Amino acid sequence: MTDFDHTLRSLRVWDTELPVFDPATAPAEPLPLFHDWFVSAAEAGQVEPHTMSLATVDEDGRPDVRTLMLHGADERGWHFASHATSAKGRQLAARPEAALGFYWPRQARQVRIRGRVSASPRDEAYADLHARSTGALASALVGRQSEALGSLDELRRVSEAAWERAEAEPGAHAESWTLYVLEPAEVEFFQGDERRRHVRLRYRRGGASGWVRELLWP
């Protein structure tokens, strides 16, 4: 057995006291429950609870996934940002459907969201960018996300120039920076259980009637 195999088989999950989730107490809509779970994850010491997986589909129908930061969650949907010229930006322009996945192992919780994605107005994108750190602005000013890179020296030179501009011009615009909003069609909440009797509660759009709630087999 290799070190990898031995390590893989030795790992345990949820080796802690887990919260109890009673779906009968869940609100009529998913957003308040997401807010509650998010705050609970942060208070439980979950590292970077605002990181999430974003899944898109390319022009050939092949799935693609990456990890990025949540920028907000409100009545409009779940917010994230990227360059419109990046791989995910191009994929969303061609096929504006996506899925998000949050995993908070400190509490054995997951949240999965699927829906249609749209771009926010440019002034909202710039306001979002300028509310973040100097490093975030510098990274946005570098741009060229997902393009082939000739060398790390090239990255260093361009990044240093972007940092200088970000520090000198904190209101600088990155033209391709885009704030996206995923409007949910389905939201699933997963609560892990030590005896593998996991609780899965799915919300799905029910047309004029609002949201339909249903339990799923684990």
Protein backbone atom coordinates (compact mmCIF):
# COMPACT_ATOMS: atom_id res chain seq x y z
CA MET A 1 0.00 0.00 0.00
CA THR A 2 1.38 3.39 -0.97
CA ASP A 3 1.59 6.37 1.37
CA PHE A 4 -1.30 7.88 -0.53
CA ASP A 5 -3.50 4.80 -0.10
CA HIS A 6 -2.62 4.45 3.57
CA THR A 7 -3.31 8.12 4.25
CA LEU A 8 -6.56 8.06 2.30
CA ARG A 9 -7.91 5.09 4.24
CA SER A 10 -6.81 6.44 7.60
CA LEU A 11 -8.76 9.69 7.38
CA ARG A 12 -11.91 10.20 9.38
CA VAL A 13 -14.72 12.64 8.81
CA TRP A 14 -16.86 14.62 11.24
CA ASP A 15 -14.88 13.51 14.28
CA THR A 16 -16.74 16.03 16.42
CA GLU A 17 -20.15 16.73 17.89
CA LEU A 18 -22.48 17.68 15.05
CA PRO A 19 -25.41 20.10 15.15
CA VAL A 20 -28.96 18.77 14.82
CA PHE A 21 -31.04 20.02 11.90
CA ASP A 22 -34.81 19.61 12.04
CA PRO A 23 -36.16 20.41 8.56
CA ALA A 24 -39.61 20.99 10.04
CA THR A 25 -38.23 24.22 11.50
CA ALA A 26 -36.76 25.44 8.19
CA PRO A 27 -38.09 28.72 6.77
CA ALA A 28 -40.33 28.89 3.72
CA GLU A 29 -37.48 30.23 1.55
CA PRO A 30 -33.82 29.13 1.36
CA LEU A 31 -32.04 32.48 1.81
CA PRO A 32 -32.67 32.92 5.56
CA LEU A 33 -31.50 29.36 6.21
CA PHE A 34 -28.35 29.95 4.18
CA HIS A 35 -27.61 33.09 6.17
CA ASP A 36 -28.09 31.18 9.44
CA TRP A 37 -25.86 28.28 8.36
CA PHE A 38 -23.19 30.63 7.05
CA VAL A 39 -22.99 32.57 10.31
CA SER A 40 -23.04 29.32 12.29
CA ALA A 41 -20.14 27.94 10.23
CA ALA A 42 -18.07 31.07 10.85
CA GLU A 43 -18.84 31.03 14.57
CA ALA A 44 -17.87 27.34 14.73
CA GLY A 45 -14.40 28.23 13.44
CA GLN A 46 -14.82 27.05 9.87
CA VAL A 47 -11.86 28.29 7.82
CA GLU A 48 -12.93 30.52 4.92
CA PRO A 49 -16.65 29.67 4.97
CA HIS A 50 -17.11 32.10 2.08
CA THR A 51 -15.17 29.89 -0.33
CA MET A 52 -17.29 27.88 -2.72
CA SER A 53 -17.08 25.75 -5.84
CA LEU A 54 -18.51 27.14 -9.08
CA ALA A 55 -19.41 24.68 -11.83
CA THR A 56 -20.02 25.77 -15.41
CA VAL A 57 -20.15 24.09 -18.82
CA ASP A 58 -17.96 24.89 -21.80
CA GLU A 59 -18.94 25.10 -25.47
CA ASP A 60 -18.47 21.35 -25.91
CA GLY A 61 -20.69 20.49 -22.96
CA ARG A 62 -17.78 19.54 -20.71
CA PRO A 63 -18.17 20.49 -17.04
CA ASP A 64 -15.66 22.81 -15.41
CA VAL A 65 -15.24 23.67 -11.72
CA ARG A 66 -13.11 25.99 -9.60
CA THR A 67 -13.03 27.52 -6.12
CA LEU A 68 -13.75 31.20 -5.58
CA MET A 69 -15.19 33.63 -3.04
CA LEU A 70 -18.81 34.48 -2.28
CA HIS A 71 -19.43 38.23 -2.57
CA GLY A 72 -22.97 38.29 -1.22
CA ALA A 73 -26.31 36.51 -0.95
CA ASP A 74 -29.57 38.43 -1.05
CA GLU A 75 -33.04 38.38 -2.59
CA ARG A 76 -31.50 38.61 -6.07
CA GLY A 77 -29.30 35.55 -5.60
CA TRP A 78 -25.74 34.50 -4.79
CA HIS A 79 -23.02 36.94 -5.94
CA PHE A 80 -19.51 36.25 -7.20
CA ALA A 81 -17.08 38.10 -9.46
CA SER A 82 -14.56 37.42 -12.19
CA HIS A 83 -13.30 38.76 -15.48
CA ALA A 84 -15.75 38.46 -18.36
CA THR A 85 -12.77 37.39 -20.47
CA SER A 86 -11.82 34.48 -18.16
CA ALA A 87 -12.74 30.88 -18.91
CA LYS A 88 -15.73 30.97 -16.57
CA GLY A 89 -16.76 34.37 -17.93
CA ARG A 90 -16.79 33.08 -21.49
CA GLN A 91 -18.61 29.91 -20.46
CA LEU A 92 -21.28 31.89 -18.60
CA ALA A 93 -21.74 34.20 -21.59
CA ALA A 94 -22.42 31.19 -23.82
CA ARG A 95 -24.38 29.11 -21.28
CA PRO A 96 -25.61 31.23 -18.37
CA GLU A 97 -26.41 28.33 -16.05
CA ALA A 98 -24.21 27.33 -13.11
CA ALA A 99 -24.03 25.49 -9.82
CA LEU A 100 -22.46 26.50 -6.50
CA GLY A 101 -21.27 24.22 -3.73
CA PHE A 102 -20.38 25.12 -0.13
CA TYR A 103 -18.81 22.59 2.26
CA TRP A 104 -18.39 23.34 5.96
CA PRO A 105 -16.83 20.19 7.50
CA ARG A 106 -16.70 21.65 11.01
CA GLN A 107 -20.45 21.10 11.12
CA ALA A 108 -20.80 18.42 8.40
CA ARG A 109 -22.87 20.76 6.29
CA GLN A 110 -23.16 21.35 2.58
CA VAL A 111 -25.24 23.75 0.51
CA ARG A 112 -25.78 23.19 -3.21
CA ILE A 113 -27.33 25.81 -5.48
CA ARG A 114 -28.29 25.68 -9.14
CA GLY A 115 -29.72 28.43 -11.31
CA ARG A 116 -29.36 31.00 -14.04
CA VAL A 117 -26.53 33.54 -13.95
CA SER A 118 -26.66 37.17 -15.05
CA ALA A 119 -24.19 40.05 -14.95
CA SER A 120 -24.87 42.99 -12.65
CA PRO A 121 -24.63 46.58 -13.93
CA ARG A 122 -21.06 47.83 -14.33
CA ASP A 123 -21.34 50.37 -11.52
CA GLU A 124 -22.17 47.54 -9.09
CA ALA A 125 -19.16 45.57 -10.30
CA TYR A 126 -16.83 48.52 -9.72
CA ALA A 127 -18.34 49.25 -6.31
CA ASP A 128 -17.76 45.60 -5.37
CA LEU A 129 -14.17 45.71 -6.60
CA HIS A 130 -13.30 48.94 -4.79
CA ALA A 131 -14.77 47.67 -1.53
CA ARG A 132 -12.15 44.90 -1.49
CA SER A 133 -8.45 44.95 -0.65
CA THR A 134 -5.62 46.59 -2.56
CA GLY A 135 -4.40 43.12 -3.48
CA ALA A 136 -7.78 42.24 -4.96
CA LEU A 137 -7.72 45.40 -7.08
CA ALA A 138 -4.16 44.72 -8.19
CA SER A 139 -5.10 41.19 -9.21
CA ALA A 140 -8.08 42.51 -11.17
CA LEU A 141 -5.89 45.09 -12.90
CA VAL A 142 -3.53 42.35 -14.03
CA GLY A 143 -6.42 40.68 -15.84
CA ARG A 144 -5.57 38.05 -18.46
CA GLN A 145 -7.11 35.37 -16.25
CA SER A 146 -6.94 31.83 -17.73
CA GLU A 147 -4.57 32.91 -20.53
CA ALA A 148 -1.33 31.01 -21.07
CA LEU A 149 1.57 32.48 -19.06
CA GLY A 150 5.05 32.63 -20.51
CA SER A 151 6.97 32.65 -17.23
CA LEU A 152 6.71 33.49 -13.54
CA ASP A 153 9.06 36.43 -14.15
CA GLU A 154 6.47 37.90 -16.53
CA LEU A 155 3.77 37.46 -13.88
CA ARG A 156 5.97 39.18 -11.29
CA ARG A 157 6.65 42.20 -13.52
CA VAL A 158 3.01 42.69 -14.48
CA SER A 159 1.81 42.11 -10.92
CA GLU A 160 4.26 44.63 -9.46
CA ALA A 161 3.06 47.26 -11.94
CA ALA A 162 -0.55 46.48 -11.06
CA TRP A 163 0.18 46.80 -7.33
CA GLU A 164 1.80 50.21 -7.90
CA ARG A 165 -1.26 51.40 -9.83
CA ALA A 166 -3.70 49.99 -7.27
CA GLU A 167 -1.90 51.81 -4.46
CA ALA A 168 -1.73 55.08 -6.44
CA GLU A 169 -5.25 54.83 -7.94
CA PRO A 170 -7.57 53.00 -5.49
CA GLY A 171 -10.52 53.93 -7.71
CA ALA A 172 -9.00 52.43 -10.88
CA HIS A 173 -11.32 50.35 -13.05
CA ALA A 174 -10.63 46.90 -14.44
CA GLU A 175 -12.76 46.99 -17.58
CA SER A 176 -13.50 43.27 -17.76
CA TRP A 177 -14.31 42.89 -14.04
CA THR A 178 -17.85 41.55 -13.74
CA LEU A 179 -20.13 40.92 -10.79
CA TYR A 180 -22.35 37.90 -11.43
CA VAL A 181 -25.58 36.89 -9.71
CA LEU A 182 -26.86 33.32 -9.67
CA GLU A 183 -30.65 33.33 -9.30
CA PRO A 184 -31.45 30.00 -7.62
CA ALA A 185 -33.84 27.47 -9.10
CA GLU A 186 -32.84 24.81 -6.55
CA VAL A 187 -31.09 25.04 -3.17
CA GLU A 188 -30.23 21.93 -1.16
CA PHE A 189 -29.13 21.85 2.48
CA PHE A 190 -27.24 18.76 3.67
CA GLN A 191 -26.67 18.00 7.35
CA GLY A 192 -24.30 15.11 7.99
CA ASP A 193 -25.07 12.50 10.65
CA GLU A 194 -22.63 10.21 12.48
CA ARG A 195 -24.81 7.17 11.71
CA ARG A 196 -25.07 8.23 8.07
CA ARG A 197 -28.72 9.21 8.41
CA HIS A 198 -27.96 12.47 6.69
CA VAL A 199 -30.70 15.08 6.40
CA ARG A 200 -31.17 16.57 2.94
CA LEU A 201 -33.69 19.36 2.41
CA ARG A 202 -34.21 20.71 -1.08
CA TYR A 203 -35.97 23.92 -2.05
CA ARG A 204 -37.09 24.26 -5.66
CA ARG A 205 -38.98 26.95 -7.43
CA GLY A 206 -42.71 26.23 -7.59
CA GLY A 207 -43.79 28.92 -10.01
CA ALA A 208 -46.36 31.36 -8.66
CA SER A 209 -46.59 29.38 -5.44
CA GLY A 210 -43.00 30.26 -4.49
CA TRP A 211 -40.73 27.55 -3.10
CA VAL A 212 -41.47 23.84 -2.70
CA ARG A 213 -39.61 22.03 0.11
CA GLU A 214 -38.88 18.31 -0.02
CA LEU A 215 -36.70 15.79 1.77
CA LEU A 216 -34.26 13.62 -0.19
CA TRP A 217 -32.84 10.22 0.61
CA PRO A 218 -29.18 10.49 1.66
